[in-house]
Amino acid sequence: MNRSSPSGRLHRKLSRPLWAVLTLFLASCAMFQVQPSALRPPVPKSLSLTNNVVLTSWGAVDMKVLGSSSTFFPGSFLIKSRDMIVYIDPLEVEESPPADFIFITHPHDDHLSLPDIERLAKEGTVIVGPPAVVKRLKDFNTLAVRPGKVIDREGLHVQALPAYNTEPLFLWLLAHPKKALNVGYILTIDSVSICHAGDTSPVPELERIRDITVALIPLDEDNGKLTMDVEQAAALVNSMQPTIAIPMHYEVGKGYPERFKQRIDQRIRVEIME
């Protein structure tokens, strides 16, 4: 879209909080566009957690809403064990095996990507998500969860975590209100525990988490009104004391993961997977 377009002029007139609110409302319509970024590595980045469990990221995506574009590292991951293929919020997934389980944290389109779900689902795939997600996936085999729900399936232990904001994004509006019942997850496979926080502030329920192998933590700008800022995220990880911390869900090129890494306890290994 050229610079003289009406949407471009509108974007320049809006403050960031108001623009972010509009983004949330527009994310489920045709004006939301996403595609793999040219900054993606040629091969997806993988991290071996044990001999049997591997965590994979595909890298950055380019996102456009109206005239606003950004390069973004999403909270999209594959967990592959000897016996199971698990995805969390798959987005622009390329050349990947079909899923045994797909976990969706909430219904925003950078987390609930119907094209990716259609690509990855096979007969027997179970798609897990909060009620608003399940409502949008009526043609699939779904399992609804709410914060606090525990699932045990085929060697996979899952705890659904609350994921919500505590500070308004604009006026009284919360980007991820608690009443929406959005979730994060702790997934335990072959004694490896992976905490995917979802889109959330550093809420008290997360601060109590311990004994985690990997913490997947979202980063946002200062004051963290969409998720959590670098200071908040680092403080949360330092209290959780995972073996590995991986920043996610941030705009590429602004130095968020590097600043996050500088603030993390040296006993915790930080991996940047963009």
Protein backbone atom coordinates (compact mmCIF):
# COMPACT_ATOMS: atom_id res chain seq x y z
CA MET A 1 0.00 0.00 0.00
CA ASN A 2 1.47 3.38 -0.96
CA ARG A 3 2.12 6.18 1.48
CA SER A 4 -0.70 8.36 0.23
CA SER A 5 -3.39 5.74 0.87
CA PRO A 6 -6.22 6.65 3.28
CA SER A 7 -5.28 3.83 5.65
CA GLY A 8 -1.65 5.01 5.69
CA ARG A 9 -2.75 8.55 6.61
CA LEU A 10 -5.05 7.12 9.27
CA HIS A 11 -2.21 5.09 10.75
CA ARG A 12 0.03 8.15 11.10
CA LYS A 13 -2.71 10.05 12.94
CA LEU A 14 -3.37 7.33 15.51
CA SER A 15 -1.48 6.91 18.75
CA ARG A 16 0.10 3.48 19.30
CA PRO A 17 -2.44 2.39 21.97
CA LEU A 18 -5.43 3.23 19.77
CA TRP A 19 -3.80 1.59 16.77
CA ALA A 20 -3.16 -1.53 18.83
CA VAL A 21 -6.82 -1.65 19.85
CA LEU A 22 -7.86 -1.42 16.20
CA THR A 23 -5.37 -4.15 15.36
CA LEU A 24 -6.99 -6.47 17.86
CA PHE A 25 -10.42 -5.89 16.37
CA LEU A 26 -9.20 -6.21 12.79
CA ALA A 27 -7.03 -9.28 13.36
CA SER A 28 -9.87 -11.65 12.52
CA CYS A 29 -10.81 -10.00 9.22
CA ALA A 30 -9.40 -9.90 5.70
CA MET A 31 -7.35 -6.76 6.45
CA PHE A 32 -5.02 -8.94 8.54
CA GLN A 33 -2.29 -10.47 6.37
CA VAL A 34 0.65 -12.66 7.37
CA GLN A 35 3.39 -14.39 5.42
CA PRO A 36 6.85 -15.88 6.09
CA SER A 37 9.49 -13.17 6.45
CA ALA A 38 12.60 -12.91 4.30
CA LEU A 39 14.45 -12.83 7.64
CA ARG A 40 13.52 -16.44 8.33
CA PRO A 41 16.44 -18.86 8.47
CA PRO A 42 16.55 -21.23 5.48
CA VAL A 43 16.08 -24.16 7.86
CA PRO A 44 13.82 -24.01 10.94
CA LYS A 45 15.77 -23.66 14.17
CA SER A 46 15.62 -26.67 16.48
CA LEU A 47 16.74 -27.16 20.06
CA SER A 48 17.32 -30.66 21.46
CA LEU A 49 15.97 -30.75 25.00
CA THR A 50 16.74 -34.46 25.49
CA ASN A 51 17.63 -37.32 23.18
CA ASN A 52 13.88 -37.77 22.62
CA VAL A 53 12.42 -34.24 22.70
CA VAL A 54 13.14 -31.48 20.17
CA LEU A 55 11.67 -27.95 20.11
CA THR A 56 11.44 -26.21 16.71
CA SER A 57 10.66 -22.66 15.54
CA TRP A 58 10.12 -21.56 11.92
CA GLY A 59 11.17 -17.97 12.56
CA ALA A 60 9.77 -14.56 11.74
CA VAL A 61 6.64 -13.58 9.84
CA ASP A 62 5.67 -10.33 8.16
CA MET A 63 2.35 -9.02 9.47
CA LYS A 64 0.21 -6.29 7.95
CA VAL A 65 -2.94 -4.68 9.31
CA LEU A 66 -4.33 -1.92 7.09
CA GLY A 67 -1.23 0.15 6.21
CA SER A 68 0.88 -0.94 9.18
CA SER A 69 3.54 -3.62 8.66
CA SER A 70 5.97 -5.26 11.04
CA THR A 71 8.27 -8.26 11.19
CA PHE A 72 7.31 -10.41 14.11
CA PHE A 73 8.62 -13.52 15.87
CA PRO A 74 5.44 -15.39 16.89
CA GLY A 75 4.73 -17.80 19.72
CA SER A 76 4.60 -20.69 17.24
CA PHE A 77 6.44 -23.93 18.07
CA LEU A 78 6.66 -27.63 17.30
CA ILE A 79 7.50 -30.15 20.03
CA LYS A 80 8.56 -33.50 18.66
CA SER A 81 9.17 -36.55 20.82
CA ARG A 82 9.84 -40.14 19.89
CA ASP A 83 6.11 -40.87 19.99
CA MET A 84 4.31 -37.56 19.48
CA ILE A 85 4.03 -34.43 17.31
CA VAL A 86 2.69 -31.39 19.19
CA TYR A 87 2.18 -27.83 17.91
CA ILE A 88 1.51 -24.66 19.88
CA ASP A 89 -0.13 -21.77 17.99
CA PRO A 90 1.20 -22.87 14.57
CA LEU A 91 1.59 -19.91 12.19
CA GLU A 92 2.99 -20.08 8.65
CA VAL A 93 4.33 -23.57 9.31
CA GLU A 94 6.38 -24.98 6.45
CA GLU A 95 7.16 -28.63 5.57
CA SER A 96 6.16 -30.10 8.92
CA PRO A 97 4.66 -33.46 9.90
CA PRO A 98 0.95 -33.81 10.73
CA ALA A 99 -0.04 -33.21 14.33
CA ASP A 100 -1.11 -35.52 17.10
CA PHE A 101 -2.04 -32.46 19.18
CA ILE A 102 -2.43 -28.76 18.38
CA PHE A 103 -2.64 -26.38 21.32
CA ILE A 104 -4.12 -22.91 20.71
CA THR A 105 -3.83 -20.24 23.38
CA HIS A 106 -6.55 -17.83 22.19
CA PRO A 107 -8.53 -16.85 19.08
CA HIS A 108 -6.49 -13.92 17.70
CA ASP A 109 -5.45 -14.76 14.16
CA ASP A 110 -1.70 -14.73 14.86
CA HIS A 111 -2.40 -17.65 17.22
CA LEU A 112 -5.40 -19.39 15.70
CA SER A 113 -4.39 -19.81 12.06
CA LEU A 114 -7.02 -21.86 10.26
CA PRO A 115 -4.85 -22.49 7.16
CA ASP A 116 -2.12 -23.96 9.36
CA ILE A 117 -4.57 -26.08 11.32
CA GLU A 118 -6.04 -27.43 8.07
CA ARG A 119 -2.53 -28.20 6.83
CA LEU A 120 -1.43 -30.02 9.98
CA ALA A 121 -4.58 -31.85 11.09
CA LYS A 122 -4.99 -35.53 10.27
CA GLU A 123 -7.50 -38.14 11.32
CA GLY A 124 -7.17 -38.36 15.08
CA THR A 125 -5.56 -34.94 15.63
CA VAL A 126 -6.83 -33.33 18.84
CA ILE A 127 -7.01 -29.53 18.91
CA VAL A 128 -7.00 -28.06 22.41
CA GLY A 129 -8.03 -24.52 23.22
CA PRO A 130 -10.25 -22.26 25.33
CA PRO A 131 -13.99 -22.04 24.53
CA ALA A 132 -13.64 -19.17 22.04
CA VAL A 133 -11.15 -21.25 20.04
CA VAL A 134 -13.25 -24.40 20.06
CA LYS A 135 -16.24 -22.38 18.86
CA ARG A 136 -14.32 -21.45 15.70
CA LEU A 137 -13.19 -25.03 14.99
CA LYS A 138 -16.46 -26.92 14.83
CA ASP A 139 -15.30 -29.11 11.93
CA PHE A 140 -12.33 -30.48 13.90
CA ASN A 141 -11.78 -32.85 16.80
CA THR A 142 -11.50 -30.37 19.67
CA LEU A 143 -11.11 -30.35 23.41
CA ALA A 144 -12.09 -27.24 25.36
CA VAL A 145 -9.98 -26.13 28.31
CA ARG A 146 -10.16 -23.35 30.83
CA PRO A 147 -7.44 -22.01 33.13
CA GLY A 148 -6.61 -24.67 35.71
CA LYS A 149 -7.71 -27.62 33.56
CA VAL A 150 -5.40 -30.67 33.64
CA ILE A 151 -5.24 -33.22 30.82
CA ASP A 152 -3.45 -36.57 30.64
CA ARG A 153 -3.36 -38.15 27.20
CA GLU A 154 -1.04 -40.77 25.72
CA GLY A 155 2.05 -39.81 27.73
CA LEU A 156 1.32 -36.09 27.55
CA HIS A 157 0.51 -34.19 30.74
CA VAL A 158 -0.99 -30.73 30.25
CA GLN A 159 -1.93 -27.93 32.61
CA ALA A 160 -3.82 -24.94 31.21
CA LEU A 161 -2.62 -21.64 32.69
CA PRO A 162 -4.48 -18.34 32.94
CA ALA A 163 -3.31 -15.76 30.41
CA TYR A 164 -4.61 -12.22 30.76
CA ASN A 165 -3.64 -8.57 31.03
CA THR A 166 -3.73 -6.51 34.20
CA GLU A 167 -3.28 -3.06 32.63
CA PRO A 168 -5.62 -1.52 30.02
CA LEU A 169 -4.24 -1.04 26.54
CA PHE A 170 -6.38 2.04 25.89
CA LEU A 171 -8.84 3.73 28.25
CA TRP A 172 -10.51 0.76 30.01
CA LEU A 173 -9.91 -1.80 27.25
CA LEU A 174 -7.75 -4.83 27.97
CA ALA A 175 -6.09 -6.58 25.04
CA HIS A 176 -6.55 -9.96 26.73
CA PRO A 177 -9.17 -9.72 29.51
CA LYS A 178 -9.33 -12.39 32.19
CA LYS A 179 -12.99 -13.11 31.38
CA ALA A 180 -11.96 -14.25 27.88
CA LEU A 181 -10.50 -17.41 29.49
CA ASN A 182 -7.39 -17.34 27.30
CA VAL A 183 -4.72 -19.80 28.32
CA GLY A 184 -1.07 -20.70 28.32
CA TYR A 185 0.12 -24.26 28.82
CA ILE A 186 2.59 -26.39 30.71
CA LEU A 187 3.23 -29.45 28.57
CA THR A 188 5.19 -32.35 30.05
CA ILE A 189 6.54 -34.95 27.63
CA ASP A 190 9.17 -37.55 28.59
CA SER A 191 9.95 -35.63 31.81
CA VAL A 192 10.50 -32.37 29.88
CA SER A 193 8.23 -29.53 31.04
CA ILE A 194 7.62 -26.67 28.61
CA CYS A 195 5.73 -23.59 29.76
CA HIS A 196 4.19 -21.55 26.93
CA ALA A 197 2.83 -18.48 28.69
CA GLY A 198 0.51 -17.33 25.87
CA ASP A 199 -0.34 -13.63 25.60
CA THR A 200 -0.31 -12.46 29.18
CA SER A 201 0.95 -10.03 31.76
CA PRO A 202 3.23 -11.46 34.49
CA VAL A 203 0.21 -12.49 36.54
CA PRO A 204 0.52 -14.05 40.04
CA GLU A 205 -0.44 -17.51 38.78
CA LEU A 206 2.70 -17.57 36.60
CA GLU A 207 4.96 -16.28 39.35
CA ARG A 208 4.24 -19.44 41.36
CA ILE A 209 5.46 -21.81 38.63
CA ARG A 210 8.60 -23.84 39.38
CA ASP A 211 10.41 -26.95 38.07
CA ILE A 212 10.19 -26.00 34.39
CA THR A 213 12.64 -27.14 31.73
CA VAL A 214 11.76 -24.44 29.19
CA ALA A 215 9.90 -21.15 29.62
CA LEU A 216 8.53 -19.56 26.41
CA ILE A 217 7.93 -15.94 27.39
CA PRO A 218 6.34 -13.09 25.34
CA LEU A 219 7.99 -9.68 25.07
CA ASP A 220 6.39 -6.30 24.41
CA GLU A 221 7.27 -2.61 24.54
CA ASP A 222 7.72 -0.70 27.79
CA ASN A 223 4.84 -1.15 30.25
CA GLY A 224 3.84 -4.38 28.48
CA LYS A 225 0.15 -3.73 27.87
CA LEU A 226 -0.18 -6.47 25.26
CA THR A 227 2.01 -9.01 27.06
CA MET A 228 4.98 -8.06 29.26
CA ASP A 229 7.92 -5.78 28.75
CA VAL A 230 11.56 -6.86 28.98
CA GLU A 231 11.90 -5.99 32.67
CA GLN A 232 8.68 -7.80 33.61
CA ALA A 233 9.53 -10.85 31.53
CA ALA A 234 13.05 -11.12 32.98
CA ALA A 235 11.76 -10.78 36.55
CA LEU A 236 9.20 -13.52 35.92
CA VAL A 237 11.77 -15.90 34.42
CA ASN A 238 14.23 -15.24 37.24
CA SER A 239 11.54 -16.17 39.76
CA MET A 240 10.53 -19.32 37.83
CA GLN A 241 14.14 -20.49 37.39
CA PRO A 242 13.65 -22.68 34.31
CA THR A 243 16.63 -24.46 32.81
CA ILE A 244 16.12 -22.61 29.50
CA ALA A 245 14.28 -19.37 28.69
CA ILE A 246 13.17 -18.54 25.14
CA PRO A 247 11.72 -15.10 24.31
CA MET A 248 8.83 -15.07 21.83
CA HIS A 249 6.00 -12.94 20.44
CA TYR A 250 8.00 -9.76 19.83
CA GLU A 251 8.70 -7.33 17.00
CA VAL A 252 11.99 -8.20 15.31
CA GLY A 253 14.73 -5.60 15.08
CA LYS A 254 14.03 -3.69 18.29
CA GLY A 255 16.51 -5.55 20.49
CA TYR A 256 13.95 -7.05 22.86
CA PRO A 257 15.47 -10.55 23.12
CA GLU A 258 19.01 -9.22 23.58
CA ARG A 259 17.91 -6.87 26.38
CA PHE A 260 15.94 -9.72 27.93
CA LYS A 261 19.01 -11.98 27.89
CA GLN A 262 21.12 -9.34 29.66
CA ARG A 263 18.71 -9.35 32.61
CA ILE A 264 18.43 -13.11 33.11
CA ASP A 265 20.12 -14.96 35.96
CA GLN A 266 23.33 -16.55 34.68
CA ARG A 267 22.16 -19.96 35.88
CA ILE A 268 19.41 -19.83 33.23
CA ARG A 269 20.30 -20.52 29.61
CA VAL A 270 18.68 -18.12 27.14
CA GLU A 271 18.05 -19.25 23.56
CA ILE A 272 16.97 -16.80 20.82
CA MET A 273 15.23 -18.83 18.12
CA GLU A 274 14.21 -16.24 15.54
